[in-house]
């Protein structure tokens, strides 16, 4: 097994390295070197420079990972947000709100009480049961809307919090460069 001649990439001093040597220390300047072979060429690279490049690449990869996480989070929220969307009779859509849930409860209760009052005054007590059914349906629908509105608000708050955290981390990385 023979030796090969290579120069230190830091100070230019000649070095003798074995054919299988991957790392060496320059006897003149003390630099730690990586011995590289490319085809028939043999050269040295200062490891400190290599480690700086490696660290920069790792930083870039972490930034890309955070950007991808942000995009994934946004896509997932768009899909999740659609699960909370309520369709109306005209084909439009909107997010459920507390006001809508309360309105359904109040309107249904008023309609049911009105129906019971009118049918009792008209002397048709068996038809008055429809008023109780209307009140029950309104309460169930109102509670469902309120529940969905609360779940939507909590999910959006969690999404915004996570998004803010990722953006803060990305901005800190950009300031640190």
C-alpha atoms as a PDB file:
ATOM      1  CA  UNK A   1       0.000   0.000   0.000  1.00  0.00           C
ATOM      2  CA  UNK A   2       1.611   3.255  -1.147  1.00  0.00           C
ATOM      3  CA  UNK A   3       1.314   6.893  -0.293  1.00  0.00           C
ATOM      4  CA  UNK A   4       0.027   9.752  -2.357  1.00  0.00           C
ATOM      5  CA  UNK A   5       1.051  13.405  -2.384  1.00  0.00           C
ATOM      6  CA  UNK A   6      -1.571  16.070  -1.660  1.00  0.00           C
ATOM      7  CA  UNK A   7      -1.330  19.689  -0.567  1.00  0.00           C
ATOM      8  CA  UNK A   8      -2.998  21.171   2.510  1.00  0.00           C
ATOM      9  CA  UNK A   9      -6.008  23.168   1.368  1.00  0.00           C
ATOM     10  CA  UNK A  10      -5.405  25.685   4.156  1.00  0.00           C
ATOM     11  CA  UNK A  11      -1.660  26.487   3.937  1.00  0.00           C
ATOM     12  CA  UNK A  12      -0.536  24.664   0.782  1.00  0.00           C
ATOM     13  CA  UNK A  13       2.051  22.483   2.550  1.00  0.00           C
ATOM     14  CA  UNK A  14       2.775  19.121   0.916  1.00  0.00           C
ATOM     15  CA  UNK A  15       1.393  16.035   2.676  1.00  0.00           C
ATOM     16  CA  UNK A  16       1.879  12.322   2.141  1.00  0.00           C
ATOM     17  CA  UNK A  17      -1.263  10.253   2.763  1.00  0.00           C
ATOM     18  CA  UNK A  18      -2.077   6.577   2.395  1.00  0.00           C
ATOM     19  CA  UNK A  19      -4.253   5.413  -0.492  1.00  0.00           C
ATOM     20  CA  UNK A  20      -7.199   4.709   1.825  1.00  0.00           C
ATOM     21  CA  UNK A  21      -6.749   7.761   4.079  1.00  0.00           C
ATOM     22  CA  UNK A  22      -9.911   9.841   4.450  1.00  0.00           C
ATOM     23  CA  UNK A  23      -8.769  12.317   7.098  1.00  0.00           C
ATOM     24  CA  UNK A  24      -5.430  13.883   7.939  1.00  0.00           C
ATOM     25  CA  UNK A  25      -3.934  16.672  10.025  1.00  0.00           C
ATOM     26  CA  UNK A  26      -1.503  19.094   8.383  1.00  0.00           C
ATOM     27  CA  UNK A  27       1.875  18.942  10.124  1.00  0.00           C
ATOM     28  CA  UNK A  28       2.553  22.616   9.301  1.00  0.00           C
ATOM     29  CA  UNK A  29      -0.640  24.517  10.185  1.00  0.00           C
ATOM     30  CA  UNK A  30      -2.520  21.879  12.213  1.00  0.00           C
ATOM     31  CA  UNK A  31      -5.659  22.011  10.032  1.00  0.00           C
ATOM     32  CA  UNK A  32      -7.851  18.957  10.082  1.00  0.00           C
ATOM     33  CA  UNK A  33      -8.401  17.886   6.509  1.00  0.00           C
ATOM     34  CA  UNK A  34     -10.713  15.597   4.621  1.00  0.00           C
ATOM     35  CA  UNK A  35      -8.898  13.804   1.804  1.00  0.00           C
ATOM     36  CA  UNK A  36     -11.111  13.621  -1.270  1.00  0.00           C
ATOM     37  CA  UNK A  37     -10.698  11.639  -4.451  1.00  0.00           C
ATOM     38  CA  UNK A  38     -12.501  12.436  -7.660  1.00  0.00           C
ATOM     39  CA  UNK A  39     -11.536  10.327 -10.638  1.00  0.00           C
ATOM     40  CA  UNK A  40      -7.745  10.553 -10.729  1.00  0.00           C
ATOM     41  CA  UNK A  41      -7.613  13.809  -8.752  1.00  0.00           C
ATOM     42  CA  UNK A  42      -6.665  13.938  -5.098  1.00  0.00           C
ATOM     43  CA  UNK A  43      -7.269  17.018  -2.980  1.00  0.00           C
ATOM     44  CA  UNK A  44      -7.858  18.095   0.597  1.00  0.00           C
ATOM     45  CA  UNK A  45     -10.693  20.084   2.109  1.00  0.00           C
ATOM     46  CA  UNK A  46     -10.484  21.799   5.466  1.00  0.00           C
ATOM     47  CA  UNK A  47     -12.966  20.037   7.757  1.00  0.00           C
ATOM     48  CA  UNK A  48     -13.949  23.241   9.491  1.00  0.00           C
ATOM     49  CA  UNK A  49     -15.168  24.589   6.140  1.00  0.00           C
ATOM     50  CA  UNK A  50     -16.952  21.307   5.476  1.00  0.00           C
ATOM     51  CA  UNK A  51     -18.648  21.463   8.862  1.00  0.00           C
ATOM     52  CA  UNK A  52     -19.707  25.083   8.221  1.00  0.00           C
ATOM     53  CA  UNK A  53     -21.233  24.067   4.894  1.00  0.00           C
ATOM     54  CA  UNK A  54     -22.909  21.093   6.547  1.00  0.00           C
ATOM     55  CA  UNK A  55     -24.355  23.327   9.266  1.00  0.00           C
ATOM     56  CA  UNK A  56     -25.641  25.781   6.632  1.00  0.00           C
ATOM     57  CA  UNK A  57     -27.276  22.961   4.707  1.00  0.00           C
ATOM     58  CA  UNK A  58     -28.851  21.647   7.923  1.00  0.00           C
ATOM     59  CA  UNK A  59     -30.224  25.147   8.631  1.00  0.00           C
ATOM     60  CA  UNK A  60     -31.651  25.359   5.115  1.00  0.00           C
ATOM     61  CA  UNK A  61     -33.241  21.925   5.489  1.00  0.00           C
ATOM     62  CA  UNK A  62     -34.830  22.931   8.799  1.00  0.00           C
ATOM     63  CA  UNK A  63     -36.235  26.090   7.186  1.00  0.00           C
ATOM     64  CA  UNK A  64     -37.639  24.034   4.310  1.00  0.00           C
ATOM     65  CA  UNK A  65     -39.131  21.554   6.808  1.00  0.00           C
ATOM     66  CA  UNK A  66     -40.864  24.408   8.653  1.00  0.00           C
ATOM     67  CA  UNK A  67     -42.170  25.888   5.393  1.00  0.00           C
ATOM     68  CA  UNK A  68     -43.525  22.477   4.385  1.00  0.00           C
ATOM     69  CA  UNK A  69     -45.107  22.046   7.807  1.00  0.00           C
ATOM     70  CA  UNK A  70     -46.781  25.444   7.436  1.00  0.00           C
ATOM     71  CA  UNK A  71     -48.149  24.518   3.997  1.00  0.00           C
ATOM     72  CA  UNK A  72     -49.370  21.147   5.312  1.00  0.00           C
ATOM     73  CA  UNK A  73     -51.032  22.832   8.284  1.00  0.00           C
ATOM     74  CA  UNK A  74     -52.816  25.308   5.977  1.00  0.00           C
ATOM     75  CA  UNK A  75     -54.016  22.514   3.659  1.00  0.00           C
ATOM     76  CA  UNK A  76     -55.287  20.441   6.587  1.00  0.00           C
ATOM     77  CA  UNK A  77     -57.112  23.447   8.043  1.00  0.00           C
ATOM     78  CA  UNK A  78     -58.812  24.151   4.697  1.00  0.00           C
ATOM     79  CA  UNK A  79     -60.104  20.566   4.660  1.00  0.00           C
ATOM     80  CA  UNK A  80     -61.092  20.590   8.333  1.00  0.00           C
ATOM     81  CA  UNK A  81     -62.789  23.983   8.003  1.00  0.00           C
ATOM     82  CA  UNK A  82     -65.021  22.534   5.282  1.00  0.00           C
ATOM     83  CA  UNK A  83     -66.301  19.909   7.744  1.00  0.00           C
ATOM     84  CA  UNK A  84     -67.741  22.717   9.888  1.00  0.00           C
ATOM     85  CA  UNK A  85     -69.376  24.493   6.949  1.00  0.00           C
ATOM     86  CA  UNK A  86     -73.168  24.577   6.890  1.00  0.00           C
ATOM     87  CA  UNK A  87     -75.038  24.709   3.565  1.00  0.00           C
ATOM     88  CA  UNK A  88     -78.137  26.836   3.246  1.00  0.00           C
ATOM     89  CA  UNK A  89     -81.156  26.369   0.985  1.00  0.00           C
ATOM     90  CA  UNK A  90     -79.777  28.604  -1.782  1.00  0.00           C
ATOM     91  CA  UNK A  91     -76.566  26.603  -2.158  1.00  0.00           C
ATOM     92  CA  UNK A  92     -74.450  29.028  -0.136  1.00  0.00           C
ATOM     93  CA  UNK A  93     -72.302  28.016   2.765  1.00  0.00           C
ATOM     94  CA  UNK A  94     -71.262  29.575   6.038  1.00  0.00           C
ATOM     95  CA  UNK A  95     -69.644  28.653   9.304  1.00  0.00           C
ATOM     96  CA  UNK A  96     -71.983  27.962  12.190  1.00  0.00           C
ATOM     97  CA  UNK A  97     -72.126  30.659  14.810  1.00  0.00           C
ATOM     98  CA  UNK A  98     -73.384  31.011  18.355  1.00  0.00           C
ATOM     99  CA  UNK A  99     -75.898  33.636  17.222  1.00  0.00           C
ATOM    100  CA  UNK A 100     -77.411  31.206  14.710  1.00  0.00           C
ATOM    101  CA  UNK A 101     -77.746  28.478  17.333  1.00  0.00           C
ATOM    102  CA  UNK A 102     -79.419  30.846  19.784  1.00  0.00           C
ATOM    103  CA  UNK A 103     -81.717  32.147  17.019  1.00  0.00           C
ATOM    104  CA  UNK A 104     -82.860  28.604  16.159  1.00  0.00           C
ATOM    105  CA  UNK A 105     -83.518  27.859  19.839  1.00  0.00           C
ATOM    106  CA  UNK A 106     -85.475  31.065  20.417  1.00  0.00           C
ATOM    107  CA  UNK A 107     -87.440  30.976  17.155  1.00  0.00           C
ATOM    108  CA  UNK A 108     -88.309  27.275  17.590  1.00  0.00           C
ATOM    109  CA  UNK A 109     -89.428  27.792  21.193  1.00  0.00           C
ATOM    110  CA  UNK A 110     -91.542  30.837  20.284  1.00  0.00           C
ATOM    111  CA  UNK A 111     -93.112  29.014  17.317  1.00  0.00           C
ATOM    112  CA  UNK A 112     -93.813  25.922  19.430  1.00  0.00           C
ATOM    113  CA  UNK A 113     -95.389  27.945  22.255  1.00  0.00           C
ATOM    114  CA  UNK A 114     -97.407  29.971  19.750  1.00  0.00           C
ATOM    115  CA  UNK A 115     -98.640  26.778  18.082  1.00  0.00           C
ATOM    116  CA  UNK A 116     -99.601  25.238  21.411  1.00  0.00           C
ATOM    117  CA  UNK A 117    -101.448  28.403  22.448  1.00  0.00           C
ATOM    118  CA  UNK A 118    -103.369  28.710  19.163  1.00  0.00           C
ATOM    119  CA  UNK A 119    -104.368  25.035  19.020  1.00  0.00           C
ATOM    120  CA  UNK A 120    -105.391  24.966  22.701  1.00  0.00           C
ATOM    121  CA  UNK A 121    -107.492  28.106  22.180  1.00  0.00           C
ATOM    122  CA  UNK A 122    -109.069  26.488  19.146  1.00  0.00           C
ATOM    123  CA  UNK A 123    -109.924  23.440  21.260  1.00  0.00           C
ATOM    124  CA  UNK A 124    -107.674  20.990  19.369  1.00  0.00           C
ATOM    125  CA  UNK A 125    -105.327  19.712  22.092  1.00  0.00           C
ATOM    126  CA  UNK A 126    -104.047  16.717  20.102  1.00  0.00           C
ATOM    127  CA  UNK A 127    -102.683  19.030  17.382  1.00  0.00           C
ATOM    128  CA  UNK A 128    -100.942  21.021  20.121  1.00  0.00           C
ATOM    129  CA  UNK A 129     -98.472  18.136  20.425  1.00  0.00           C
ATOM    130  CA  UNK A 130     -96.932  19.364  17.167  1.00  0.00           C
ATOM    131  CA  UNK A 131     -95.830  22.463  19.111  1.00  0.00           C
ATOM    132  CA  UNK A 132     -93.940  20.256  21.574  1.00  0.00           C
ATOM    133  CA  UNK A 133     -92.309  18.435  18.664  1.00  0.00           C
ATOM    134  CA  UNK A 134     -91.315  21.795  17.129  1.00  0.00           C
ATOM    135  CA  UNK A 135     -89.781  22.886  20.442  1.00  0.00           C
ATOM    136  CA  UNK A 136     -87.873  19.583  20.721  1.00  0.00           C
ATOM    137  CA  UNK A 137     -86.537  19.840  17.164  1.00  0.00           C
ATOM    138  CA  UNK A 138     -85.523  23.479  17.721  1.00  0.00           C
ATOM    139  CA  UNK A 139     -83.693  22.597  20.947  1.00  0.00           C
ATOM    140  CA  UNK A 140     -81.868  19.683  19.267  1.00  0.00           C
ATOM    141  CA  UNK A 141     -80.958  21.785  16.205  1.00  0.00           C
ATOM    142  CA  UNK A 142     -79.893  24.739  18.346  1.00  0.00           C
ATOM    143  CA  UNK A 143     -77.689  22.574  20.566  1.00  0.00           C
ATOM    144  CA  UNK A 144     -76.176  20.942  17.475  1.00  0.00           C
ATOM    145  CA  UNK A 145     -75.381  24.336  15.931  1.00  0.00           C
ATOM    146  CA  UNK A 146     -73.932  25.649  19.201  1.00  0.00           C
ATOM    147  CA  UNK A 147     -71.815  22.514  19.565  1.00  0.00           C
ATOM    148  CA  UNK A 148     -70.553  22.739  15.984  1.00  0.00           C
ATOM    149  CA  UNK A 149     -69.810  26.463  16.395  1.00  0.00           C
ATOM    150  CA  UNK A 150     -67.815  25.787  19.556  1.00  0.00           C
ATOM    151  CA  UNK A 151     -65.868  22.950  17.928  1.00  0.00           C
ATOM    152  CA  UNK A 152     -65.132  25.163  14.924  1.00  0.00           C
ATOM    153  CA  UNK A 153     -63.880  28.005  17.138  1.00  0.00           C
ATOM    154  CA  UNK A 154     -61.643  25.642  19.131  1.00  0.00           C
ATOM    155  CA  UNK A 155     -60.236  24.041  15.981  1.00  0.00           C
ATOM    156  CA  UNK A 156     -59.534  27.435  14.430  1.00  0.00           C
ATOM    157  CA  UNK A 157     -57.851  28.672  17.617  1.00  0.00           C
ATOM    158  CA  UNK A 158     -55.608  25.573  17.648  1.00  0.00           C
ATOM    159  CA  UNK A 159     -54.782  26.082  13.958  1.00  0.00           C
ATOM    160  CA  UNK A 160     -53.943  29.773  14.452  1.00  0.00           C
ATOM    161  CA  UNK A 161     -51.812  29.002  17.513  1.00  0.00           C
ATOM    162  CA  UNK A 162     -49.802  26.315  15.697  1.00  0.00           C
ATOM    163  CA  UNK A 163     -49.445  28.519  12.608  1.00  0.00           C
ATOM    164  CA  UNK A 164     -48.235  31.438  14.718  1.00  0.00           C
ATOM    165  CA  UNK A 165     -45.694  29.161  16.411  1.00  0.00           C
ATOM    166  CA  UNK A 166     -44.287  27.952  13.074  1.00  0.00           C
ATOM    167  CA  UNK A 167     -44.146  31.502  11.681  1.00  0.00           C
ATOM    168  CA  UNK A 168     -42.334  32.702  14.807  1.00  0.00           C
ATOM    169  CA  UNK A 169     -39.788  29.901  14.416  1.00  0.00           C
ATOM    170  CA  UNK A 170     -39.276  30.740  10.720  1.00  0.00           C
ATOM    171  CA  UNK A 171     -38.812  34.437  11.490  1.00  0.00           C
ATOM    172  CA  UNK A 172     -36.302  33.624  14.232  1.00  0.00           C
ATOM    173  CA  UNK A 173     -34.323  31.525  11.727  1.00  0.00           C
ATOM    174  CA  UNK A 174     -34.335  34.363   9.185  1.00  0.00           C
ATOM    175  CA  UNK A 175     -33.158  36.877  11.793  1.00  0.00           C
ATOM    176  CA  UNK A 176     -30.422  34.493  12.905  1.00  0.00           C
ATOM    177  CA  UNK A 177     -28.845  34.305   9.456  1.00  0.00           C
END
